[in-house]
Structure formats: C-alpha cells, structure tokens
N, C-alpha and C. Protein backbone atom coordinates (compact mmCIF):
# COMPACT_ATOMS: atom_id res chain seq x y z
N MET A 1 112.53 -45.55 135.55
CA MET A 1 113.77 -45.02 136.05
C MET A 1 114.51 -44.37 134.88
N SER A 2 114.61 -43.10 134.95
CA SER A 2 115.29 -42.38 133.88
C SER A 2 116.28 -41.41 134.53
N ASP A 3 117.48 -41.88 134.75
CA ASP A 3 118.50 -41.07 135.39
C ASP A 3 119.68 -40.90 134.45
N SER A 4 120.48 -39.92 134.79
CA SER A 4 121.70 -39.69 134.04
C SER A 4 122.87 -40.08 134.93
N PHE A 5 123.80 -40.81 134.38
CA PHE A 5 124.94 -41.29 135.14
C PHE A 5 126.23 -40.85 134.45
N PRO A 6 127.16 -40.28 135.22
CA PRO A 6 128.43 -39.89 134.61
C PRO A 6 129.24 -41.14 134.25
N LEU A 7 129.89 -41.09 133.10
CA LEU A 7 130.73 -42.20 132.65
C LEU A 7 132.17 -41.73 132.55
N PRO A 8 133.11 -42.63 132.84
CA PRO A 8 134.51 -42.28 132.61
C PRO A 8 134.73 -42.00 131.12
N PRO A 9 135.71 -41.20 130.78
CA PRO A 9 135.95 -40.84 129.37
C PRO A 9 136.07 -42.04 128.45
N GLU A 10 136.72 -43.14 128.91
CA GLU A 10 136.86 -44.30 128.01
C GLU A 10 135.52 -44.93 127.67
N PHE A 11 134.56 -44.90 128.62
CA PHE A 11 133.23 -45.45 128.34
C PHE A 11 132.44 -44.49 127.46
N GLU A 12 132.60 -43.20 127.68
CA GLU A 12 131.93 -42.23 126.81
C GLU A 12 132.38 -42.42 125.37
N GLY A 13 133.69 -42.60 125.18
CA GLY A 13 134.21 -42.84 123.84
C GLY A 13 133.68 -44.13 123.25
N PHE A 14 133.62 -45.16 124.07
CA PHE A 14 133.10 -46.45 123.60
C PHE A 14 131.65 -46.31 123.15
N VAL A 15 130.83 -45.61 123.96
CA VAL A 15 129.43 -45.41 123.61
C VAL A 15 129.33 -44.67 122.28
N ARG A 16 130.10 -43.58 122.14
CA ARG A 16 130.06 -42.82 120.88
C ARG A 16 130.47 -43.69 119.69
N GLU A 17 131.50 -44.52 119.86
CA GLU A 17 131.95 -45.41 118.78
C GLU A 17 130.85 -46.40 118.38
N GLN A 18 130.18 -46.97 119.37
CA GLN A 18 129.13 -47.94 119.08
C GLN A 18 127.95 -47.30 118.35
N LEU A 19 127.60 -46.09 118.79
CA LEU A 19 126.51 -45.37 118.12
C LEU A 19 126.91 -44.99 116.70
N ALA A 20 128.14 -44.50 116.52
CA ALA A 20 128.62 -44.10 115.19
C ALA A 20 128.68 -45.29 114.25
N ALA A 21 129.00 -46.47 114.79
CA ALA A 21 129.07 -47.68 113.96
C ALA A 21 127.69 -48.22 113.62
N GLY A 22 126.66 -47.65 114.25
CA GLY A 22 125.29 -48.10 113.95
C GLY A 22 124.89 -49.37 114.69
N ARG A 23 125.66 -49.77 115.68
CA ARG A 23 125.32 -50.99 116.42
C ARG A 23 124.12 -50.78 117.33
N PHE A 24 123.89 -49.55 117.75
CA PHE A 24 122.78 -49.20 118.62
C PHE A 24 122.16 -47.91 118.12
N ARG A 25 120.85 -47.76 118.35
CA ARG A 25 120.16 -46.55 117.92
C ARG A 25 120.26 -45.43 118.93
N SER A 26 120.51 -45.80 120.20
CA SER A 26 120.56 -44.77 121.23
C SER A 26 121.44 -45.23 122.38
N GLU A 27 121.81 -44.28 123.23
CA GLU A 27 122.57 -44.62 124.42
C GLU A 27 121.77 -45.56 125.31
N GLY A 28 120.47 -45.29 125.41
CA GLY A 28 119.61 -46.13 126.24
C GLY A 28 119.59 -47.58 125.76
N GLU A 29 119.52 -47.77 124.43
CA GLU A 29 119.53 -49.13 123.90
C GLU A 29 120.84 -49.83 124.23
N LEU A 30 121.95 -49.12 124.12
CA LEU A 30 123.25 -49.71 124.45
C LEU A 30 123.29 -50.10 125.93
N ILE A 31 122.84 -49.22 126.81
CA ILE A 31 122.86 -49.50 128.25
C ILE A 31 121.94 -50.67 128.57
N ARG A 32 120.74 -50.72 127.98
CA ARG A 32 119.82 -51.85 128.22
C ARG A 32 120.45 -53.16 127.76
N THR A 33 121.12 -53.14 126.61
CA THR A 33 121.78 -54.35 126.11
C THR A 33 122.90 -54.78 127.05
N ALA A 34 123.69 -53.82 127.50
CA ALA A 34 124.79 -54.14 128.42
C ALA A 34 124.25 -54.74 129.72
N LEU A 35 123.17 -54.17 130.24
CA LEU A 35 122.58 -54.69 131.48
C LEU A 35 121.99 -56.08 131.28
N ARG A 36 121.37 -56.32 130.11
CA ARG A 36 120.81 -57.65 129.83
C ARG A 36 121.93 -58.70 129.77
N ILE A 37 123.03 -58.35 129.11
CA ILE A 37 124.16 -59.28 129.02
C ILE A 37 124.75 -59.54 130.40
N LEU A 38 124.88 -58.52 131.22
CA LEU A 38 125.38 -58.69 132.58
C LEU A 38 124.44 -59.59 133.38
N ALA A 39 123.14 -59.37 133.27
CA ALA A 39 122.17 -60.19 134.00
C ALA A 39 122.25 -61.65 133.56
N GLU A 40 122.41 -61.89 132.25
CA GLU A 40 122.54 -63.26 131.75
C GLU A 40 123.80 -63.92 132.30
N ARG A 41 124.89 -63.18 132.37
CA ARG A 41 126.15 -63.72 132.90
C ARG A 41 126.03 -64.07 134.37
N VAL A 42 125.38 -63.21 135.12
CA VAL A 42 125.20 -63.45 136.55
C VAL A 42 124.32 -64.67 136.77
N ALA A 43 123.30 -64.82 135.91
CA ALA A 43 122.35 -65.93 136.06
C ALA A 43 122.89 -67.24 135.50
N ALA A 44 123.97 -67.22 134.75
CA ALA A 44 124.48 -68.43 134.10
C ALA A 44 125.88 -68.74 134.60
N PRO A 45 125.98 -69.43 135.75
CA PRO A 45 127.31 -69.74 136.27
C PRO A 45 128.11 -70.65 135.35
N ALA A 46 127.45 -71.30 134.41
CA ALA A 46 128.17 -72.16 133.47
C ALA A 46 129.16 -71.36 132.62
N LEU A 47 128.94 -70.05 132.53
CA LEU A 47 129.86 -69.22 131.75
C LEU A 47 131.09 -68.81 132.57
N ASP A 48 131.07 -69.14 133.85
CA ASP A 48 132.18 -68.82 134.73
C ASP A 48 133.40 -69.64 134.32
N PRO A 49 134.53 -69.00 134.06
CA PRO A 49 135.73 -69.74 133.65
C PRO A 49 136.15 -70.80 134.67
N ALA A 50 135.93 -70.56 135.96
CA ALA A 50 136.30 -71.56 136.98
C ALA A 50 135.45 -72.82 136.80
N TRP A 51 134.16 -72.64 136.48
CA TRP A 51 133.28 -73.79 136.25
C TRP A 51 133.79 -74.58 135.04
N LEU A 52 134.15 -73.89 133.99
CA LEU A 52 134.63 -74.55 132.79
C LEU A 52 135.91 -75.32 133.07
N LYS A 53 136.82 -74.73 133.82
CA LYS A 53 138.06 -75.42 134.16
C LYS A 53 137.77 -76.69 134.97
N ARG A 54 136.85 -76.60 135.94
CA ARG A 54 136.48 -77.79 136.73
C ARG A 54 135.88 -78.88 135.84
N ALA A 55 135.02 -78.47 134.90
CA ALA A 55 134.39 -79.44 134.01
C ALA A 55 135.43 -80.13 133.13
N ILE A 56 136.38 -79.37 132.63
CA ILE A 56 137.45 -79.94 131.81
C ILE A 56 138.30 -80.89 132.65
N ASP A 57 138.66 -80.45 133.86
CA ASP A 57 139.45 -81.31 134.75
C ASP A 57 138.71 -82.60 135.08
N ASP A 58 137.40 -82.49 135.34
CA ASP A 58 136.60 -83.69 135.61
C ASP A 58 136.63 -84.64 134.41
N GLY A 59 136.48 -84.08 133.22
CA GLY A 59 136.50 -84.92 132.02
C GLY A 59 137.84 -85.58 131.80
N LEU A 60 138.91 -84.84 132.03
CA LEU A 60 140.25 -85.40 131.83
C LEU A 60 140.58 -86.49 132.85
N SER A 61 140.01 -86.37 134.05
CA SER A 61 140.32 -87.37 135.08
C SER A 61 139.35 -88.56 135.05
N SER A 62 138.35 -88.52 134.18
CA SER A 62 137.39 -89.63 134.12
C SER A 62 137.98 -90.79 133.31
N LYS A 63 137.30 -91.93 133.41
CA LYS A 63 137.78 -93.11 132.67
C LYS A 63 137.64 -92.87 131.16
N PRO A 64 138.38 -93.57 130.37
CA PRO A 64 138.29 -93.39 128.92
C PRO A 64 136.88 -93.71 128.41
N ALA A 65 136.45 -92.96 127.44
CA ALA A 65 135.12 -93.16 126.86
C ALA A 65 135.11 -94.41 126.00
N GLN A 66 133.94 -95.01 125.94
CA GLN A 66 133.74 -96.16 125.07
C GLN A 66 133.25 -95.67 123.71
N PRO A 67 133.59 -96.36 122.64
CA PRO A 67 133.10 -95.95 121.32
C PRO A 67 131.56 -95.99 121.31
N ALA A 68 130.96 -95.07 120.59
CA ALA A 68 129.51 -95.02 120.47
C ALA A 68 129.09 -95.97 119.35
N GLY A 69 128.81 -97.20 119.72
CA GLY A 69 128.40 -98.22 118.75
C GLY A 69 126.89 -98.30 118.63
N PRO A 70 126.39 -99.28 117.89
CA PRO A 70 124.96 -99.44 117.68
C PRO A 70 124.16 -99.56 118.98
N ALA A 71 124.68 -100.24 119.97
CA ALA A 71 123.96 -100.40 121.24
C ALA A 71 123.78 -99.05 121.93
N PHE A 72 124.79 -98.21 121.89
CA PHE A 72 124.69 -96.89 122.50
C PHE A 72 123.59 -96.09 121.82
N TRP A 73 123.58 -96.07 120.50
CA TRP A 73 122.59 -95.27 119.77
C TRP A 73 121.18 -95.79 119.99
N GLU A 74 121.00 -97.09 120.04
CA GLU A 74 119.67 -97.64 120.31
C GLU A 74 119.21 -97.28 121.71
N SER A 75 120.12 -97.34 122.68
CA SER A 75 119.79 -96.94 124.05
C SER A 75 119.39 -95.46 124.11
N LEU A 76 120.11 -94.63 123.38
CA LEU A 76 119.80 -93.20 123.34
C LEU A 76 118.43 -92.97 122.72
N ARG A 77 118.14 -93.64 121.61
CA ARG A 77 116.82 -93.52 120.97
C ARG A 77 115.71 -93.91 121.93
N THR A 78 115.92 -94.99 122.65
CA THR A 78 114.92 -95.47 123.60
C THR A 78 114.67 -94.42 124.69
N ARG A 79 115.75 -93.86 125.24
CA ARG A 79 115.60 -92.84 126.28
C ARG A 79 114.90 -91.60 125.75
N VAL A 80 115.24 -91.17 124.54
CA VAL A 80 114.62 -89.98 123.97
C VAL A 80 113.13 -90.23 123.73
N ARG A 81 112.79 -91.38 123.18
CA ARG A 81 111.37 -91.70 122.95
C ARG A 81 110.61 -91.75 124.26
N SER A 82 111.21 -92.36 125.28
CA SER A 82 110.56 -92.47 126.59
C SER A 82 110.33 -91.08 127.19
N THR A 83 111.33 -90.22 127.09
CA THR A 83 111.20 -88.87 127.62
C THR A 83 110.11 -88.11 126.86
N ALA A 84 110.06 -88.28 125.55
CA ALA A 84 109.05 -87.59 124.74
C ALA A 84 107.65 -88.08 125.11
N ARG A 85 107.50 -89.39 125.33
CA ARG A 85 106.19 -89.93 125.72
C ARG A 85 105.77 -89.37 127.08
N GLU A 86 106.70 -89.31 128.03
CA GLU A 86 106.38 -88.77 129.36
C GLU A 86 105.98 -87.30 129.26
N ARG A 87 106.72 -86.57 128.45
CA ARG A 87 106.44 -85.14 128.28
C ARG A 87 105.07 -84.91 127.64
N ASP A 88 104.77 -85.75 126.64
CA ASP A 88 103.51 -85.59 125.91
C ASP A 88 102.33 -86.25 126.59
N GLY A 89 102.59 -86.96 127.67
CA GLY A 89 101.51 -87.58 128.43
C GLY A 89 100.99 -88.87 127.84
N ASP A 90 101.79 -89.53 127.04
CA ASP A 90 101.34 -90.82 126.44
C ASP A 90 101.55 -91.95 127.42
C-alpha cells in the first residue's frame, strides 16, 4: 500500500520538523512509527488513563499492606521456584 494522503498544515510542519531534527530518515518511517505506536496503544488498555485511575482507586480502598518480612520473601522465593520448575518441565 503506497498512497499519498493530504495532511493538515500543522501535521506537515510537524513532519518537516521531525525530519529536520534527524529523528526519522523519511516521511514513511515517521508514519510507520506513528502507526506502530497507535497500534500498541489500542492493544494495551493498561495505558488507558481510566484504567489507571481505577487501579489507583482500588489500591487506595484496599486494606493496609503488611510489611514485607522474611516470611513474605521466603513465600515469594518458593512461588518463583515452583513456577520456574513448572515452566522448565521439572
């Protein structure tokens, strides 16, 4: 797909600025990068500000955290080792 698309003047200026600054070698590279970033954003709802606000609200309304003492770390080590063994087929 090799088409030409008209851009509003502010985007044309932005493209020229990016090329002049050496951030991209061509208009095509800039457009491909912009589309890749857009696709990643669409595919990653975790980047959605509403999701982040909900996660923060959930954390603030949860019970107070317990200090991470020796028992917590040993439990974490055990879970990590178990997961690694399952993954590696041991």
